[in-house]
């Protein structure tokens, strides 16, 4: 488990971009340390661990912060 939570599921899907080309995207479902389940969508070029982890960490912290209110 990462320091922000854990990944529950990853779904790959394709869409047609504004240029008419197919774009591969990933829908990542994760759970924060506080128990909040959330979804983040990232393009293919951000689908590596090094690039997706900061996005997931930021969203988990944001949602856990709201939960504490």
PDB file of N, CA and C in Angstrom:
ATOM      1  N   UNK A   1       0.841  -1.177   0.000  1.00  0.00           N
ATOM      2  CA  UNK A   1       0.000   0.000   0.000  1.00  0.00           C
ATOM      3  C   UNK A   1       0.891   1.246   0.000  1.00  0.00           C
ATOM      4  N   UNK A   2       0.557   2.187  -0.844  1.00  0.00           N
ATOM      5  CA  UNK A   2       1.294   3.454  -0.889  1.00  0.00           C
ATOM      6  C   UNK A   2       0.967   4.283   0.349  1.00  0.00           C
ATOM      7  N   UNK A   3       1.735   5.329   0.586  1.00  0.00           N
ATOM      8  CA  UNK A   3       1.509   6.149   1.774  1.00  0.00           C
ATOM      9  C   UNK A   3       0.197   6.928   1.722  1.00  0.00           C
ATOM     10  N   UNK A   4      -0.436   7.039   0.562  1.00  0.00           N
ATOM     11  CA  UNK A   4      -1.703   7.757   0.422  1.00  0.00           C
ATOM     12  C   UNK A   4      -2.907   6.825   0.417  1.00  0.00           C
ATOM     13  N   UNK A   5      -2.727   5.538   0.115  1.00  0.00           N
ATOM     14  CA  UNK A   5      -3.834   4.581   0.027  1.00  0.00           C
ATOM     15  C   UNK A   5      -3.473   3.447  -0.911  1.00  0.00           C
ATOM     16  N   UNK A   6      -4.472   2.940  -1.679  1.00  0.00           N
ATOM     17  CA  UNK A   6      -4.198   1.827  -2.583  1.00  0.00           C
ATOM     18  C   UNK A   6      -5.077   1.894  -3.831  1.00  0.00           C
ATOM     19  N   UNK A   7      -4.569   1.319  -4.914  1.00  0.00           N
ATOM     20  CA  UNK A   7      -5.309   1.228  -6.165  1.00  0.00           C
ATOM     21  C   UNK A   7      -6.207  -0.001  -6.097  1.00  0.00           C
ATOM     22  N   UNK A   8      -7.487   0.181  -6.436  1.00  0.00           N
ATOM     23  CA  UNK A   8      -8.441  -0.917  -6.412  1.00  0.00           C
ATOM     24  C   UNK A   8      -8.640  -1.550  -7.790  1.00  0.00           C
ATOM     25  N   UNK A   9      -8.656  -0.705  -8.834  1.00  0.00           N
ATOM     26  CA  UNK A   9      -8.927  -1.207 -10.183  1.00  0.00           C
ATOM     27  C   UNK A   9      -8.394  -0.221 -11.217  1.00  0.00           C
ATOM     28  N   UNK A  10      -7.981  -0.742 -12.370  1.00  0.00           N
ATOM     29  CA  UNK A  10      -7.553   0.089 -13.494  1.00  0.00           C
ATOM     30  C   UNK A  10      -8.291  -0.407 -14.732  1.00  0.00           C
ATOM     31  N   UNK A  11      -8.971   0.521 -15.411  1.00  0.00           N
ATOM     32  CA  UNK A  11      -9.698   0.193 -16.626  1.00  0.00           C
ATOM     33  C   UNK A  11      -9.129   1.006 -17.778  1.00  0.00           C
ATOM     34  N   UNK A  12      -8.766   0.327 -18.845  1.00  0.00           N
ATOM     35  CA  UNK A  12      -8.270   1.007 -20.048  1.00  0.00           C
ATOM     36  C   UNK A  12      -9.446   1.224 -20.994  1.00  0.00           C
ATOM     37  N   UNK A  13      -9.517   2.413 -21.572  1.00  0.00           N
ATOM     38  CA  UNK A  13     -10.531   2.670 -22.583  1.00  0.00           C
ATOM     39  C   UNK A  13      -9.969   3.609 -23.633  1.00  0.00           C
ATOM     40  N   UNK A  14     -10.633   3.671 -24.774  1.00  0.00           N
ATOM     41  CA  UNK A  14     -10.173   4.517 -25.875  1.00  0.00           C
ATOM     42  C   UNK A  14     -11.254   5.524 -26.225  1.00  0.00           C
ATOM     43  N   UNK A  15     -10.828   6.724 -26.571  1.00  0.00           N
ATOM     44  CA  UNK A  15     -11.734   7.772 -27.014  1.00  0.00           C
ATOM     45  C   UNK A  15     -11.157   8.398 -28.283  1.00  0.00           C
ATOM     46  N   UNK A  16     -12.000   9.106 -28.997  1.00  0.00           N
ATOM     47  CA  UNK A  16     -11.541   9.847 -30.162  1.00  0.00           C
ATOM     48  C   UNK A  16     -11.212  11.256 -29.692  1.00  0.00           C
ATOM     49  N   UNK A  17      -9.968  11.664 -29.927  1.00  0.00           N
ATOM     50  CA  UNK A  17      -9.519  12.977 -29.497  1.00  0.00           C
ATOM     51  C   UNK A  17      -9.984  14.078 -30.438  1.00  0.00           C
ATOM     52  N   UNK A  18      -9.637  15.302 -30.116  1.00  0.00           N
ATOM     53  CA  UNK A  18     -10.052  16.456 -30.911  1.00  0.00           C
ATOM     54  C   UNK A  18      -9.441  16.447 -32.316  1.00  0.00           C
ATOM     55  N   UNK A  19      -8.342  15.729 -32.500  1.00  0.00           N
ATOM     56  CA  UNK A  19      -7.708  15.628 -33.817  1.00  0.00           C
ATOM     57  C   UNK A  19      -8.262  14.473 -34.647  1.00  0.00           C
ATOM     58  N   UNK A  20      -9.168  13.689 -34.057  1.00  0.00           N
ATOM     59  CA  UNK A  20      -9.750  12.554 -34.757  1.00  0.00           C
ATOM     60  C   UNK A  20      -9.001  11.252 -34.549  1.00  0.00           C
ATOM     61  N   UNK A  21      -7.891  11.296 -33.815  1.00  0.00           N
ATOM     62  CA  UNK A  21      -7.113  10.090 -33.540  1.00  0.00           C
ATOM     63  C   UNK A  21      -7.630   9.402 -32.283  1.00  0.00           C
ATOM     64  N   UNK A  22      -7.427   8.089 -32.230  1.00  0.00           N
ATOM     65  CA  UNK A  22      -7.782   7.346 -31.026  1.00  0.00           C
ATOM     66  C   UNK A  22      -6.794   7.661 -29.917  1.00  0.00           C
ATOM     67  N   UNK A  23      -7.313   7.896 -28.725  1.00  0.00           N
ATOM     68  CA  UNK A  23      -6.468   8.149 -27.556  1.00  0.00           C
ATOM     69  C   UNK A  23      -6.763   7.089 -26.507  1.00  0.00           C
ATOM     70  N   UNK A  24      -5.732   6.548 -25.926  1.00  0.00           N
ATOM     71  CA  UNK A  24      -5.868   5.548 -24.876  1.00  0.00           C
ATOM     72  C   UNK A  24      -5.820   6.269 -23.529  1.00  0.00           C
ATOM     73  N   UNK A  25      -6.780   5.975 -22.663  1.00  0.00           N
ATOM     74  CA  UNK A  25      -6.852   6.593 -21.339  1.00  0.00           C
ATOM     75  C   UNK A  25      -7.061   5.483 -20.305  1.00  0.00           C
ATOM     76  N   UNK A  26      -6.781   5.823 -19.065  1.00  0.00           N
ATOM     77  CA  UNK A  26      -6.928   4.858 -17.975  1.00  0.00           C
ATOM     78  C   UNK A  26      -7.771   5.461 -16.867  1.00  0.00           C
ATOM     79  N   UNK A  27      -8.740   4.710 -16.399  1.00  0.00           N
ATOM     80  CA  UNK A  27      -9.587   5.109 -15.275  1.00  0.00           C
ATOM     81  C   UNK A  27      -9.101   4.303 -14.070  1.00  0.00           C
ATOM     82  N   UNK A  28      -8.566   5.007 -13.082  1.00  0.00           N
ATOM     83  CA  UNK A  28      -7.987   4.359 -11.905  1.00  0.00           C
ATOM     84  C   UNK A  28      -8.921   4.573 -10.717  1.00  0.00           C
ATOM     85  N   UNK A  29      -9.392   3.483 -10.149  1.00  0.00           N
ATOM     86  CA  UNK A  29     -10.215   3.563  -8.945  1.00  0.00           C
ATOM     87  C   UNK A  29      -9.303   3.250  -7.766  1.00  0.00           C
ATOM     88  N   UNK A  30      -9.332   4.117  -6.761  1.00  0.00           N
ATOM     89  CA  UNK A  30      -8.430   3.967  -5.623  1.00  0.00           C
ATOM     90  C   UNK A  30      -9.171   4.248  -4.322  1.00  0.00           C
ATOM     91  N   UNK A  31      -8.513   3.902  -3.223  1.00  0.00           N
ATOM     92  CA  UNK A  31      -9.057   4.156  -1.892  1.00  0.00           C
ATOM     93  C   UNK A  31      -7.989   4.856  -1.068  1.00  0.00           C
ATOM     94  N   UNK A  32      -8.365   5.982  -0.456  1.00  0.00           N
ATOM     95  CA  UNK A  32      -7.421   6.740   0.357  1.00  0.00           C
ATOM     96  C   UNK A  32      -7.228   6.063   1.707  1.00  0.00           C
ATOM     97  N   UNK A  33      -6.226   6.520   2.453  1.00  0.00           N
ATOM     98  CA  UNK A  33      -5.989   5.983   3.807  1.00  0.00           C
ATOM     99  C   UNK A  33      -7.214   6.175   4.696  1.00  0.00           C
ATOM    100  N   UNK A  34      -7.962   7.262   4.453  1.00  0.00           N
ATOM    101  CA  UNK A  34      -9.155   7.556   5.237  1.00  0.00           C
ATOM    102  C   UNK A  34     -10.373   6.745   4.834  1.00  0.00           C
ATOM    103  N   UNK A  35     -10.244   5.924   3.789  1.00  0.00           N
ATOM    104  CA  UNK A  35     -11.329   5.051   3.367  1.00  0.00           C
ATOM    105  C   UNK A  35     -12.184   5.592   2.230  1.00  0.00           C
ATOM    106  N   UNK A  36     -11.862   6.756   1.706  1.00  0.00           N
ATOM    107  CA  UNK A  36     -12.628   7.339   0.615  1.00  0.00           C
ATOM    108  C   UNK A  36     -12.253   6.671  -0.705  1.00  0.00           C
ATOM    109  N   UNK A  37     -13.259   6.184  -1.420  1.00  0.00           N
ATOM    110  CA  UNK A  37     -13.038   5.574  -2.730  1.00  0.00           C
ATOM    111  C   UNK A  37     -13.247   6.662  -3.781  1.00  0.00           C
ATOM    112  N   UNK A  38     -12.301   6.788  -4.718  1.00  0.00           N
ATOM    113  CA  UNK A  38     -12.379   7.821  -5.745  1.00  0.00           C
ATOM    114  C   UNK A  38     -11.846   7.301  -7.071  1.00  0.00           C
ATOM    115  N   UNK A  39     -12.126   8.048  -8.131  1.00  0.00           N
ATOM    116  CA  UNK A  39     -11.695   7.678  -9.472  1.00  0.00           C
ATOM    117  C   UNK A  39     -10.942   8.835 -10.103  1.00  0.00           C
ATOM    118  N   UNK A  40      -9.838   8.513 -10.766  1.00  0.00           N
ATOM    119  CA  UNK A  40      -9.033   9.497 -11.489  1.00  0.00           C
ATOM    120  C   UNK A  40      -8.822   8.951 -12.897  1.00  0.00           C
ATOM    121  N   UNK A  41      -8.981   9.821 -13.896  1.00  0.00           N
ATOM    122  CA  UNK A  41      -8.727   9.422 -15.273  1.00  0.00           C
ATOM    123  C   UNK A  41      -7.438  10.083 -15.741  1.00  0.00           C
ATOM    124  N   UNK A  42      -6.548   9.281 -16.344  1.00  0.00           N
ATOM    125  CA  UNK A  42      -5.265   9.806 -16.823  1.00  0.00           C
ATOM    126  C   UNK A  42      -5.038   9.366 -18.263  1.00  0.00           C
ATOM    127  N   UNK A  43      -4.366  10.215 -19.059  1.00  0.00           N
ATOM    128  CA  UNK A  43      -4.025   9.817 -20.420  1.00  0.00           C
ATOM    129  C   UNK A  43      -2.903   8.781 -20.410  1.00  0.00           C
ATOM    130  N   UNK A  44      -2.691   8.150 -21.534  1.00  0.00           N
ATOM    131  CA  UNK A  44      -1.688   7.080 -21.636  1.00  0.00           C
ATOM    132  C   UNK A  44      -0.297   7.541 -21.209  1.00  0.00           C
ATOM    133  N   UNK A  45       0.085   8.768 -21.557  1.00  0.00           N
ATOM    134  CA  UNK A  45       1.429   9.233 -21.214  1.00  0.00           C
ATOM    135  C   UNK A  45       1.631   9.457 -19.718  1.00  0.00           C
ATOM    136  N   UNK A  46       0.546   9.429 -18.940  1.00  0.00           N
ATOM    137  CA  UNK A  46       0.660   9.557 -17.483  1.00  0.00           C
ATOM    138  C   UNK A  46       0.370   8.242 -16.768  1.00  0.00           C
ATOM    139  N   UNK A  47       0.376   7.144 -17.509  1.00  0.00           N
ATOM    140  CA  UNK A  47      -0.019   5.862 -16.933  1.00  0.00           C
ATOM    141  C   UNK A  47       1.111   5.120 -16.234  1.00  0.00           C
ATOM    142  N   UNK A  48       2.269   5.745 -16.077  1.00  0.00           N
ATOM    143  CA  UNK A  48       3.357   5.100 -15.343  1.00  0.00           C
ATOM    144  C   UNK A  48       3.209   5.377 -13.850  1.00  0.00           C
ATOM    145  N   UNK A  49       3.802   4.540 -13.045  1.00  0.00           N
ATOM    146  CA  UNK A  49       3.731   4.698 -11.597  1.00  0.00           C
ATOM    147  C   UNK A  49       4.265   6.054 -11.153  1.00  0.00           C
ATOM    148  N   UNK A  50       5.376   6.477 -11.738  1.00  0.00           N
ATOM    149  CA  UNK A  50       6.011   7.730 -11.327  1.00  0.00           C
ATOM    150  C   UNK A  50       5.141   8.943 -11.628  1.00  0.00           C
ATOM    151  N   UNK A  51       4.356   8.892 -12.689  1.00  0.00           N
ATOM    152  CA  UNK A  51       3.525  10.038 -13.067  1.00  0.00           C
ATOM    153  C   UNK A  51       2.137   9.993 -12.440  1.00  0.00           C
ATOM    154  N   UNK A  52       1.567   8.811 -12.274  1.00  0.00           N
ATOM    155  CA  UNK A  52       0.208   8.693 -11.731  1.00  0.00           C
ATOM    156  C   UNK A  52       0.186   8.819 -10.206  1.00  0.00           C
ATOM    157  N   UNK A  53       1.247   8.382  -9.535  1.00  0.00           N
ATOM    158  CA  UNK A  53       1.264   8.401  -8.069  1.00  0.00           C
ATOM    159  C   UNK A  53       1.052   9.799  -7.477  1.00  0.00           C
ATOM    160  N   UNK A  54       1.716  10.847  -7.969  1.00  0.00           N
ATOM    161  CA  UNK A  54       1.471  12.180  -7.399  1.00  0.00           C
ATOM    162  C   UNK A  54       0.027  12.663  -7.594  1.00  0.00           C
ATOM    163  N   UNK A  55      -0.582  12.295  -8.716  1.00  0.00           N
ATOM    164  CA  UNK A  55      -1.974  12.678  -8.978  1.00  0.00           C
ATOM    165  C   UNK A  55      -2.895  11.989  -7.979  1.00  0.00           C
ATOM    166  N   UNK A  56      -2.679  10.699  -7.781  1.00  0.00           N
ATOM    167  CA  UNK A  56      -3.497   9.940  -6.834  1.00  0.00           C
ATOM    168  C   UNK A  56      -3.282  10.430  -5.407  1.00  0.00           C
ATOM    169  N   UNK A  57      -2.044  10.703  -5.049  1.00  0.00           N
ATOM    170  CA  UNK A  57      -1.719  11.192  -3.702  1.00  0.00           C
ATOM    171  C   UNK A  57      -2.403  12.534  -3.429  1.00  0.00           C
ATOM    172  N   UNK A  58      -2.354  13.436  -4.402  1.00  0.00           N
ATOM    173  CA  UNK A  58      -2.974  14.756  -4.247  1.00  0.00           C
ATOM    174  C   UNK A  58      -4.487  14.627  -4.069  1.00  0.00           C
ATOM    175  N   UNK A  59      -5.124  13.814  -4.905  1.00  0.00           N
ATOM    176  CA  UNK A  59      -6.585  13.644  -4.827  1.00  0.00           C
ATOM    177  C   UNK A  59      -6.991  12.979  -3.518  1.00  0.00           C
ATOM    178  N   UNK A  60      -6.234  11.994  -3.061  1.00  0.00           N
ATOM    179  CA  UNK A  60      -6.534  11.319  -1.787  1.00  0.00           C
ATOM    180  C   UNK A  60      -6.434  12.309  -0.625  1.00  0.00           C
ATOM    181  N   UNK A  61      -5.390  13.133  -0.622  1.00  0.00           N
ATOM    182  CA  UNK A  61      -5.222  14.117   0.454  1.00  0.00           C
ATOM    183  C   UNK A  61      -6.345  15.152   0.425  1.00  0.00           C
ATOM    184  N   UNK A  62      -6.723  15.561  -0.765  1.00  0.00           N
ATOM    185  CA  UNK A  62      -7.806  16.537  -0.928  1.00  0.00           C
ATOM    186  C   UNK A  62      -9.118  15.990  -0.376  1.00  0.00           C
ATOM    187  N   UNK A  63      -9.455  14.757  -0.728  1.00  0.00           N
ATOM    188  CA  UNK A  63     -10.702  14.156  -0.266  1.00  0.00           C
ATOM    189  C   UNK A  63     -10.701  13.835   1.214  1.00  0.00           C
ATOM    190  N   UNK A  64      -9.564  13.347   1.739  1.00  0.00           N
ATOM    191  CA  UNK A  64      -9.487  13.093   3.175  1.00  0.00           C
ATOM    192  C   UNK A  64      -9.569  14.389   3.965  1.00  0.00           C
ATOM    193  N   UNK A  65      -9.051  15.496   3.402  1.00  0.00           N
ATOM    194  CA  UNK A  65      -9.150  16.795   4.053  1.00  0.00           C
ATOM    195  C   UNK A  65     -10.600  17.265   4.134  1.00  0.00           C
ATOM    196  N   UNK A  66     -11.356  17.043   3.082  1.00  0.00           N
ATOM    197  CA  UNK A  66     -12.786  17.403   3.072  1.00  0.00           C
ATOM    198  C   UNK A  66     -13.541  16.554   4.087  1.00  0.00           C
ATOM    199  N   UNK A  67     -13.166  15.293   4.175  1.00  0.00           N
ATOM    200  CA  UNK A  67     -13.844  14.373   5.098  1.00  0.00           C
ATOM    201  C   UNK A  67     -13.669  14.789   6.556  1.00  0.00           C
ATOM    202  N   UNK A  68     -12.545  15.460   6.865  1.00  0.00           N
ATOM    203  CA  UNK A  68     -12.266  15.876   8.238  1.00  0.00           C
ATOM    204  C   UNK A  68     -13.088  17.098   8.662  1.00  0.00           C
ATOM    205  N   UNK A  69     -13.692  17.807   7.700  1.00  0.00           N
ATOM    206  CA  UNK A  69     -14.472  19.016   8.037  1.00  0.00           C
ATOM    207  C   UNK A  69     -15.671  18.720   8.901  1.00  0.00           C
TER     208      UNK A  69
END
